[in-house]
């Protein structure tokens, strides 16, 4: 490896970058590198995930001779402007200099909030690729991602996310008023299923929440604790079989689970019946948002009074994500790392970690099997015009940072549904309920109030 000086990634926003240079890579001082080192070593997540690890990797631009090298040894991180001859990086995260410039900006545009997003959306054809020991890249995904995040924070002159001071809603400081229960349903081919569900609130309007692929209804706790929503609504959320706190079906074996529109709608139908819900408003995100559209097609049959699909559209091709979701490795690390890249960079750190935790806690092969439904398994392209918004109002919400189901994809789907409303959620990502509840609730309230108003107008007619 060359011992010639190499300069760090795009630091145009760093106060210690030399002025007047034409390259966004050049001119970073030694003191700035020391600041990055300190930011990494002071980080609690870095300290937890680096114990016992010896690793060396680099981040480079494929169109310029620029790189930064990270060495992790005995828990300490070292950052180099020049790669010592004694070091040999084991893998390299590569992209164009313009990509890194966007990645390290104060509030990156999608998909530049994460290297996972760059890999998935831009890919090797755009110069974004991993070279070297790919198995190590996967094994240490949490570690290298944390290091990149802390590097970005230092470039932007912040030591942590400004809102990393615990839960941000006063509603979550009291004893929890969410009540959990179990009930039984039967699903072909899973058999008899012991389902966990939760309830909160005292309002007249019934709401049923549907969790994302490979997750569970803990995603809705912050929303279900909101006092205004508790006054307006009685809210319910359940875990699909084998997810979260629900038991696997009596005929469900490890690696055997397959989700589908028919199975998911059947589960929703039975839970609506079990809970005695009338004119319920159904809402979910991602996979749960896709199936909201399937529910809207059957609204009369299910006695559904409206749907609020989040991060949803009528179809997503599997090949869009196969380079990311086809990766094999430790699911407890890769699943949360891959999906949490879709979170907004402005979301509070505590909620980013909670999303990571939920995705890390699921059983093997549950998430990949849900993705078979999310990508290609759900196809409503020729059916959206059949949704009757006089019977079932539709209010679609998608976050600006979602690079899986983009705002444009959701907007195009809403345009196929006569009377549907679409709203793009600013500063939100793929998990609006759980990544930034305080930011999400105003959007959700507008959607609820719209549907409730439409229901009242229909009764008067």
Protein backbone atom coordinates (compact mmCIF):
# COMPACT_ATOMS: atom_id res chain seq x y z
CA UNK A 1 0.00 0.00 0.00
CA UNK A 2 1.24 3.47 -0.80
CA UNK A 3 2.65 5.49 2.07
CA UNK A 4 1.92 8.76 0.29
CA UNK A 5 -0.39 11.19 2.10
CA UNK A 6 -4.06 10.52 1.53
CA UNK A 7 -6.85 12.73 2.72
CA UNK A 8 -10.08 12.00 4.44
CA UNK A 9 -13.56 12.00 2.96
CA UNK A 10 -15.66 15.04 2.05
CA UNK A 11 -15.20 17.44 4.92
CA UNK A 12 -16.49 20.60 3.29
CA UNK A 13 -18.74 21.27 6.27
CA UNK A 14 -15.98 20.86 8.87
CA UNK A 15 -14.73 24.08 10.41
CA UNK A 16 -11.18 22.73 10.44
CA UNK A 17 -11.05 22.07 6.68
CA UNK A 18 -8.68 24.31 4.72
CA UNK A 19 -10.39 27.09 2.84
CA UNK A 20 -10.04 27.64 -0.87
CA UNK A 21 -9.50 24.03 -1.93
CA UNK A 22 -11.33 22.65 -4.94
CA UNK A 23 -11.68 19.11 -3.61
CA UNK A 24 -14.12 18.32 -0.81
CA UNK A 25 -11.62 15.70 0.40
CA UNK A 26 -8.53 17.77 0.92
CA UNK A 27 -6.98 19.70 3.75
CA UNK A 28 -8.21 18.03 6.93
CA UNK A 29 -5.92 18.81 9.84
CA UNK A 30 -4.43 16.42 12.35
CA UNK A 31 -6.49 18.04 15.11
CA UNK A 32 -9.68 17.27 13.20
CA UNK A 33 -8.62 13.63 12.94
CA UNK A 34 -7.98 13.61 16.69
CA UNK A 35 -11.49 14.95 17.21
CA UNK A 36 -12.95 12.14 15.10
CA UNK A 37 -10.96 9.58 17.08
CA UNK A 38 -12.25 10.99 20.35
CA UNK A 39 -15.84 11.01 19.10
CA UNK A 40 -15.59 7.34 18.18
CA UNK A 41 -13.82 6.21 21.35
CA UNK A 42 -16.21 8.14 23.60
CA UNK A 43 -19.28 6.52 22.01
CA UNK A 44 -21.07 3.92 24.17
CA UNK A 45 -22.17 1.85 21.18
CA UNK A 46 -18.65 1.76 19.79
CA UNK A 47 -17.23 0.66 23.13
CA UNK A 48 -19.82 -2.12 23.45
CA UNK A 49 -19.36 -3.50 19.93
CA UNK A 50 -15.56 -3.26 19.75
CA UNK A 51 -14.72 -5.44 22.75
CA UNK A 52 -12.21 -8.09 21.73
CA UNK A 53 -12.20 -6.97 18.09
CA UNK A 54 -9.12 -6.41 15.96
CA UNK A 55 -10.08 -4.84 12.63
CA UNK A 56 -8.77 -2.49 9.99
CA UNK A 57 -10.96 -1.05 7.22
CA UNK A 58 -10.98 1.98 5.00
CA UNK A 59 -13.42 4.30 3.30
CA UNK A 60 -12.34 5.51 -0.13
CA UNK A 61 -13.50 7.35 -3.20
CA UNK A 62 -13.23 5.43 -6.45
CA UNK A 63 -12.77 8.53 -8.59
CA UNK A 64 -10.00 10.17 -6.52
CA UNK A 65 -7.01 8.89 -4.61
CA UNK A 66 -8.63 9.73 -1.26
CA UNK A 67 -9.23 7.49 1.71
CA UNK A 68 -9.46 7.28 5.47
CA UNK A 69 -8.27 4.24 7.42
CA UNK A 70 -9.74 3.02 10.71
CA UNK A 71 -7.90 0.63 13.00
CA UNK A 72 -9.65 -1.04 15.96
CA UNK A 73 -7.35 -2.76 18.43
CA UNK A 74 -7.96 -3.67 22.07
CA UNK A 75 -11.08 -1.51 22.09
CA UNK A 76 -9.35 1.65 20.87
CA UNK A 77 -9.99 3.24 17.48
CA UNK A 78 -7.23 4.97 15.53
CA UNK A 79 -7.91 7.11 12.48
CA UNK A 80 -5.24 7.72 9.84
CA UNK A 81 -4.81 10.36 7.15
CA UNK A 82 -1.92 8.26 5.87
CA UNK A 83 -2.13 4.50 5.96
CA UNK A 84 0.86 3.11 7.87
CA UNK A 85 2.84 0.56 5.91
CA UNK A 86 2.28 -1.91 8.74
CA UNK A 87 -1.51 -1.81 8.21
CA UNK A 88 -3.48 -3.67 5.57
CA UNK A 89 -7.22 -2.81 5.50
CA UNK A 90 -9.32 -5.98 5.47
CA UNK A 91 -12.18 -4.42 3.51
CA UNK A 92 -12.99 -1.12 1.84
CA UNK A 93 -16.23 0.83 1.64
CA UNK A 94 -16.06 2.52 -1.74
CA UNK A 95 -18.09 5.23 -3.48
CA UNK A 96 -17.58 8.33 -5.59
CA UNK A 97 -16.39 11.49 -3.88
CA UNK A 98 -19.72 13.19 -4.62
CA UNK A 99 -21.51 10.33 -2.84
CA UNK A 100 -19.37 10.74 0.26
CA UNK A 101 -19.93 14.47 0.15
CA UNK A 102 -23.67 13.82 0.40
CA UNK A 103 -23.22 11.11 3.04
CA UNK A 104 -21.29 13.41 5.37
CA UNK A 105 -23.61 16.41 5.01
CA UNK A 106 -25.56 17.71 8.00
CA UNK A 107 -28.87 16.18 6.89
CA UNK A 108 -28.15 13.79 4.01
CA UNK A 109 -30.74 13.28 1.32
CA UNK A 110 -31.99 9.73 0.80
CA UNK A 111 -30.40 7.27 0.30
CA UNK A 112 -27.23 8.92 1.59
CA UNK A 113 -28.24 8.71 5.25
CA UNK A 114 -26.60 5.27 5.31
CA UNK A 115 -24.02 3.28 3.40
CA UNK A 116 -26.64 0.49 3.21
CA UNK A 117 -28.85 2.87 1.25
CA UNK A 118 -26.02 3.77 -1.09
CA UNK A 119 -25.30 0.08 -1.72
CA UNK A 120 -28.94 -0.74 -2.33
CA UNK A 121 -30.02 2.19 -4.47
CA UNK A 122 -26.81 3.18 -6.29
CA UNK A 123 -24.88 -0.08 -6.34
CA UNK A 124 -21.72 -1.20 -8.03
CA UNK A 125 -22.61 0.38 -11.38
CA UNK A 126 -22.35 3.77 -9.69
CA UNK A 127 -19.08 2.99 -7.98
CA UNK A 128 -20.60 2.00 -4.64
CA UNK A 129 -19.23 -1.37 -3.60
CA UNK A 130 -17.44 -3.29 -0.87
CA UNK A 131 -14.06 -4.78 -1.74
CA UNK A 132 -11.87 -7.12 0.27
CA UNK A 133 -13.11 -9.54 2.94
CA UNK A 134 -16.89 -9.37 2.47
CA UNK A 135 -17.55 -11.80 5.35
CA UNK A 136 -15.80 -9.43 7.76
CA UNK A 137 -17.79 -6.51 6.35
CA UNK A 138 -21.02 -8.36 7.25
CA UNK A 139 -19.79 -9.65 10.61
CA UNK A 140 -18.81 -6.18 11.80
CA UNK A 141 -21.70 -4.25 10.25
CA UNK A 142 -22.72 -2.63 13.53
CA UNK A 143 -19.14 -1.57 14.25
CA UNK A 144 -18.25 0.04 10.91
CA UNK A 145 -21.66 1.70 10.70
CA UNK A 146 -21.26 3.19 14.18
CA UNK A 147 -17.82 4.49 13.24
CA UNK A 148 -19.18 6.16 10.10
CA UNK A 149 -22.02 7.73 12.09
CA UNK A 150 -19.66 9.13 14.71
CA UNK A 151 -17.36 10.43 11.98
CA UNK A 152 -20.29 12.27 10.44
CA UNK A 153 -21.21 13.72 13.84
CA UNK A 154 -17.68 15.09 14.29
CA UNK A 155 -17.67 16.60 10.83
CA UNK A 156 -20.89 18.37 11.71
CA UNK A 157 -19.45 19.55 15.06
CA UNK A 158 -21.76 17.47 17.23
CA UNK A 159 -20.78 14.83 19.73
CA UNK A 160 -24.15 13.03 19.71
CA UNK A 161 -27.58 13.45 18.22
CA UNK A 162 -28.96 16.61 19.81
CA UNK A 163 -32.00 14.70 21.04
CA UNK A 164 -30.13 11.74 22.54
CA UNK A 165 -31.39 12.50 26.05
CA UNK A 166 -33.85 9.67 26.56
CA UNK A 167 -37.45 9.36 25.52
CA UNK A 168 -38.70 12.63 24.13
CA UNK A 169 -42.40 12.38 25.02
CA UNK A 170 -43.75 13.15 28.48
CA UNK A 171 -46.50 10.60 27.78
CA UNK A 172 -43.88 7.84 28.16
CA UNK A 173 -42.74 8.89 31.63
CA UNK A 174 -45.79 7.59 33.51
CA UNK A 175 -46.62 3.99 34.30
CA UNK A 176 -47.51 2.31 31.03
CA UNK A 177 -51.25 2.07 30.37
CA UNK A 178 -50.96 -0.43 27.50
CA UNK A 179 -52.55 -3.77 28.43
CA UNK A 180 -51.39 -7.03 26.86
CA UNK A 181 -53.49 -10.13 26.17
CA UNK A 182 -53.37 -13.45 24.32
CA UNK A 183 -55.97 -15.00 22.05
CA UNK A 184 -56.16 -17.86 19.52
CA UNK A 185 -56.72 -17.80 15.79
CA UNK A 186 -56.35 -20.44 13.07
CA UNK A 187 -54.37 -19.82 9.91
CA UNK A 188 -53.68 -22.12 6.98
CA UNK A 189 -50.98 -23.41 6.77
CA UNK A 190 -49.70 -22.32 10.21
CA UNK A 191 -52.38 -24.11 12.23
CA UNK A 192 -53.61 -22.89 15.61
CA UNK A 193 -51.81 -19.69 16.64
CA UNK A 194 -51.53 -18.10 20.08
CA UNK A 195 -51.50 -14.38 19.29
CA UNK A 196 -50.31 -11.58 21.53
CA UNK A 197 -52.12 -8.25 21.28
CA UNK A 198 -52.17 -4.95 23.17
CA UNK A 199 -54.83 -2.33 23.82
CA UNK A 200 -54.75 1.26 25.02
CA UNK A 201 -57.06 4.29 25.06
CA UNK A 202 -60.70 4.94 25.81
CA UNK A 203 -61.96 6.85 22.78
CA UNK A 204 -64.86 5.89 20.52
CA UNK A 205 -62.81 5.41 17.35
CA UNK A 206 -61.29 1.94 17.03
CA UNK A 207 -57.78 1.73 15.51
CA UNK A 208 -55.83 -1.40 14.59
CA UNK A 209 -52.05 -1.15 14.03
CA UNK A 210 -50.02 -3.56 11.85
CA UNK A 211 -46.29 -3.92 12.40
CA UNK A 212 -43.54 -3.92 9.78
CA UNK A 213 -41.87 -6.99 8.25
CA UNK A 214 -39.85 -9.01 10.74
CA UNK A 215 -40.89 -6.89 13.73
CA UNK A 216 -43.72 -6.69 16.27
CA UNK A 217 -46.22 -4.30 17.80
CA UNK A 218 -43.77 -2.78 20.28
CA UNK A 219 -43.21 -0.36 17.41
CA UNK A 220 -46.49 1.36 18.36
CA UNK A 221 -45.96 1.85 22.09
CA UNK A 222 -45.11 5.54 21.86
CA UNK A 223 -48.14 6.24 19.68
CA UNK A 224 -50.43 4.13 21.86
CA UNK A 225 -49.24 6.06 24.95
CA UNK A 226 -50.09 9.45 23.46
CA UNK A 227 -52.74 11.05 25.65
CA UNK A 228 -54.59 12.86 22.88
CA UNK A 229 -54.84 9.67 20.85
CA UNK A 230 -55.97 7.73 23.92
CA UNK A 231 -58.81 10.22 24.39
CA UNK A 232 -59.82 9.97 20.73
CA UNK A 233 -59.33 6.26 20.12
CA UNK A 234 -59.18 2.77 21.49
CA UNK A 235 -56.03 1.37 19.90
CA UNK A 236 -55.06 -2.25 19.30
CA UNK A 237 -51.91 -3.86 17.90
CA UNK A 238 -50.97 -7.53 17.50
CA UNK A 239 -47.92 -9.62 16.68
CA UNK A 240 -48.17 -11.98 13.73
CA UNK A 241 -47.54 -15.68 14.50
CA UNK A 242 -43.91 -16.33 15.40
CA UNK A 243 -43.21 -12.59 15.66
CA UNK A 244 -42.39 -10.75 18.88
CA UNK A 245 -44.42 -12.22 21.72
CA UNK A 246 -46.80 -14.34 19.61
CA UNK A 247 -46.18 -18.07 19.58
CA UNK A 248 -45.50 -19.87 16.30
CA UNK A 249 -48.47 -21.73 14.84
CA UNK A 250 -48.93 -25.38 15.74
CA UNK A 251 -47.76 -26.33 12.22
CA UNK A 252 -45.09 -23.64 11.97
CA UNK A 253 -41.49 -24.84 12.09
CA UNK A 254 -38.20 -22.91 12.02
CA UNK A 255 -37.44 -21.87 8.41
CA UNK A 256 -40.95 -22.92 7.26
CA UNK A 257 -42.81 -19.60 7.59
CA UNK A 258 -44.17 -17.96 4.43
CA UNK A 259 -46.25 -14.81 4.47
CA UNK A 260 -48.80 -13.91 1.80
CA UNK A 261 -51.67 -11.53 1.19
CA UNK A 262 -54.16 -14.28 1.96
CA UNK A 263 -52.51 -15.28 5.25
CA UNK A 264 -52.07 -11.69 6.42
CA UNK A 265 -55.62 -10.60 5.58
CA UNK A 266 -56.96 -13.74 7.26
CA UNK A 267 -55.07 -12.87 10.44
CA UNK A 268 -56.43 -9.30 10.36
CA UNK A 269 -59.96 -10.55 9.71
CA UNK A 270 -59.87 -12.91 12.68
CA UNK A 271 -58.37 -10.29 15.01
CA UNK A 272 -61.06 -7.78 14.04
CA UNK A 273 -63.67 -10.43 14.88
CA UNK A 274 -61.96 -11.48 18.13
CA UNK A 275 -61.73 -7.89 19.32
CA UNK A 276 -65.27 -7.01 18.20
CA UNK A 277 -64.08 -4.00 16.19
CA UNK A 278 -66.61 -1.95 14.20
CA UNK A 279 -65.71 0.53 11.47
CA UNK A 280 -62.11 0.21 12.58
CA UNK A 281 -59.37 2.34 11.05
CA UNK A 282 -56.40 0.15 10.08
CA UNK A 283 -52.88 1.54 9.89
CA UNK A 284 -49.43 0.07 9.41
CA UNK A 285 -46.06 0.78 7.84
CA UNK A 286 -43.99 -1.03 5.21
CA UNK A 287 -45.42 -4.56 4.94
CA UNK A 288 -48.19 -3.42 7.28
CA UNK A 289 -48.82 -0.46 4.99
CA UNK A 290 -48.99 -2.66 1.88
CA UNK A 291 -51.60 -4.90 3.49
CA UNK A 292 -53.65 -1.82 4.46
CA UNK A 293 -54.31 -1.44 0.74
CA UNK A 294 -55.37 -5.10 0.55
CA UNK A 295 -57.70 -4.45 3.50
CA UNK A 296 -59.19 -1.40 1.75
CA UNK A 297 -60.14 -3.65 -1.16
CA UNK A 298 -62.17 -5.78 1.30
CA UNK A 299 -63.43 -2.95 3.49
CA UNK A 300 -67.13 -3.89 3.41
CA UNK A 301 -66.38 -7.53 4.17
CA UNK A 302 -64.13 -6.64 7.12
CA UNK A 303 -66.18 -3.66 8.39
CA UNK A 304 -63.18 -1.36 8.02
CA UNK A 305 -63.95 2.35 8.13
CA UNK A 306 -60.68 3.66 6.69
CA UNK A 307 -57.00 2.93 6.25
CA UNK A 308 -53.80 4.89 6.86
CA UNK A 309 -51.09 3.07 4.88
CA UNK A 310 -47.59 4.32 5.75
CA UNK A 311 -44.52 3.64 3.60
CA UNK A 312 -46.76 1.71 1.17
CA UNK A 313 -47.41 1.41 -2.55
CA UNK A 314 -49.08 -1.00 -4.94
CA UNK A 315 -45.94 -2.99 -5.89
CA UNK A 316 -42.22 -3.25 -5.21
CA UNK A 317 -40.03 -5.56 -7.31
CA UNK A 318 -37.80 -7.93 -5.35
CA UNK A 319 -34.77 -7.22 -7.49
CA UNK A 320 -34.73 -3.67 -6.13
CA UNK A 321 -33.28 -5.01 -2.88
CA UNK A 322 -31.86 -8.45 -3.57
CA UNK A 323 -28.25 -7.23 -3.33
CA UNK A 324 -28.92 -6.20 0.28
CA UNK A 325 -31.55 -8.58 1.63
CA UNK A 326 -29.95 -11.58 -0.07
CA UNK A 327 -26.85 -11.25 2.13
CA UNK A 328 -26.33 -14.16 4.51
CA UNK A 329 -24.98 -13.81 8.02
CA UNK A 330 -25.97 -13.20 11.62
CA UNK A 331 -29.62 -12.16 11.35
CA UNK A 332 -29.55 -10.54 14.80
CA UNK A 333 -27.05 -8.00 13.40
CA UNK A 334 -27.75 -7.87 9.67
CA UNK A 335 -31.54 -7.54 9.91
CA UNK A 336 -31.48 -4.41 12.08
CA UNK A 337 -28.48 -2.94 10.26
CA UNK A 338 -30.10 -3.29 6.84
CA UNK A 339 -33.46 -1.84 7.82
CA UNK A 340 -32.29 0.87 10.19
CA UNK A 341 -30.42 2.49 7.33
CA UNK A 342 -33.85 3.67 6.19
CA UNK A 343 -34.40 5.69 9.36
CA UNK A 344 -34.17 9.47 9.08
CA UNK A 345 -30.80 10.85 10.24
CA UNK A 346 -32.73 13.43 12.26
CA UNK A 347 -34.61 10.87 14.37
CA UNK A 348 -33.73 10.71 18.09
CA UNK A 349 -30.95 8.25 18.88
CA UNK A 350 -32.97 6.44 21.54
CA UNK A 351 -35.63 5.48 18.98
CA UNK A 352 -33.04 4.45 16.41
CA UNK A 353 -31.67 2.02 18.99
CA UNK A 354 -35.12 0.73 19.91
CA UNK A 355 -35.86 -0.03 16.26
CA UNK A 356 -32.51 -1.82 16.03
CA UNK A 357 -33.34 -3.82 19.17
CA UNK A 358 -36.76 -4.95 17.92
CA UNK A 359 -35.32 -6.15 14.61
CA UNK A 360 -32.48 -7.92 16.38
CA UNK A 361 -34.89 -9.84 18.62
CA UNK A 362 -36.88 -11.78 16.00
CA UNK A 363 -36.76 -15.50 15.23
CA UNK A 364 -34.68 -16.85 12.36
CA UNK A 365 -36.02 -16.47 8.81
CA UNK A 366 -39.09 -14.49 9.94
CA UNK A 367 -37.88 -11.24 8.40
CA UNK A 368 -36.74 -12.70 5.03
CA UNK A 369 -40.06 -14.53 4.69
CA UNK A 370 -42.03 -11.34 5.36
CA UNK A 371 -39.95 -9.65 2.68
CA UNK A 372 -41.22 -12.21 0.16
CA UNK A 373 -44.64 -10.68 0.73
CA UNK A 374 -43.40 -7.08 0.82
CA UNK A 375 -41.49 -7.49 -2.45
CA UNK A 376 -43.53 -9.04 -5.27
CA UNK A 377 -45.84 -11.10 -3.00
CA UNK A 378 -48.03 -8.01 -2.70
CA UNK A 379 -49.18 -6.82 -6.12
CA UNK A 380 -52.05 -4.37 -6.27
CA UNK A 381 -51.12 -2.62 -9.50
CA UNK A 382 -54.30 -3.61 -11.35
CA UNK A 383 -56.61 -3.32 -8.32
CA UNK A 384 -56.14 0.12 -6.79
CA UNK A 385 -58.93 1.68 -8.83
CA UNK A 386 -61.32 -0.80 -7.20
CA UNK A 387 -60.93 0.80 -3.76
CA UNK A 388 -64.05 2.77 -2.87
CA UNK A 389 -63.02 5.71 -0.70
CA UNK A 390 -66.68 6.49 -0.03
CA UNK A 391 -66.76 3.24 1.94
CA UNK A 392 -63.13 3.23 3.08
CA UNK A 393 -61.25 6.56 3.02
CA UNK A 394 -57.53 6.22 2.26
CA UNK A 395 -54.90 8.58 3.66
CA UNK A 396 -51.35 7.57 2.70
CA UNK A 397 -48.23 8.78 4.53
CA UNK A 398 -44.60 8.22 3.52
CA UNK A 399 -41.38 9.63 4.98
CA UNK A 400 -39.00 11.67 2.83
CA UNK A 401 -36.04 9.47 3.87
CA UNK A 402 -37.63 6.17 2.84
CA UNK A 403 -35.57 4.79 -0.03
CA UNK A 404 -37.42 1.45 -0.04
CA UNK A 405 -40.93 2.72 -0.68
CA UNK A 406 -40.25 6.27 -1.77
CA UNK A 407 -42.68 9.17 -1.50
CA UNK A 408 -42.94 9.12 -5.30
CA UNK A 409 -43.99 5.45 -5.27
CA UNK A 410 -46.66 6.12 -2.63
CA UNK A 411 -47.84 9.26 -4.41
CA UNK A 412 -48.25 7.34 -7.67
CA UNK A 413 -50.29 4.66 -5.91
CA UNK A 414 -52.55 7.23 -4.24
CA UNK A 415 -53.17 8.78 -7.66
CA UNK A 416 -54.74 5.47 -8.79
CA UNK A 417 -57.26 5.55 -5.93
CA UNK A 418 -60.07 8.02 -6.52
CA UNK A 419 -60.45 10.22 -3.45
CA UNK A 420 -57.26 9.05 -1.74
CA UNK A 421 -54.96 11.56 -0.05
CA UNK A 422 -51.19 11.35 0.07
CA UNK A 423 -48.89 13.35 2.33
CA UNK A 424 -45.10 13.23 2.44
CA UNK A 425 -43.76 13.29 5.98
CA UNK A 426 -40.78 15.58 6.31
CA UNK A 427 -37.80 14.38 8.38
CA UNK A 428 -39.30 10.88 8.58
CA UNK A 429 -37.93 7.56 7.39
CA UNK A 430 -39.32 4.05 6.91
CA UNK A 431 -40.52 3.56 10.53
CA UNK A 432 -42.49 6.71 11.35
CA UNK A 433 -44.41 5.23 14.31
CA UNK A 434 -41.29 4.20 16.15
CA UNK A 435 -38.34 6.26 14.89
CA UNK A 436 -39.75 9.69 15.76
CA UNK A 437 -43.17 9.38 17.44
CA UNK A 438 -43.45 13.06 18.36
CA UNK A 439 -42.79 14.07 14.77
CA UNK A 440 -45.16 11.42 13.39
CA UNK A 441 -48.23 11.98 15.57
CA UNK A 442 -49.30 15.33 13.97
CA UNK A 443 -49.38 13.62 10.56
CA UNK A 444 -51.30 10.68 11.98
CA UNK A 445 -53.83 12.98 13.68
CA UNK A 446 -54.54 14.76 10.39
CA UNK A 447 -55.15 11.40 8.73
CA UNK A 448 -57.41 10.23 11.57
CA UNK A 449 -59.42 13.45 11.59
CA UNK A 450 -59.87 13.28 7.81
CA UNK A 451 -61.20 9.72 7.95
CA UNK A 452 -63.44 10.37 10.96
CA UNK A 453 -64.86 13.45 9.21
CA UNK A 454 -65.54 11.39 6.07
CA UNK A 455 -67.27 8.74 8.18
CA UNK A 456 -69.52 11.34 9.79
CA UNK A 457 -70.39 12.87 6.43
CA UNK A 458 -71.34 9.43 5.10
CA UNK A 459 -73.68 8.85 8.05
CA UNK A 460 -75.44 12.20 7.43
CA UNK A 461 -75.98 11.26 3.79
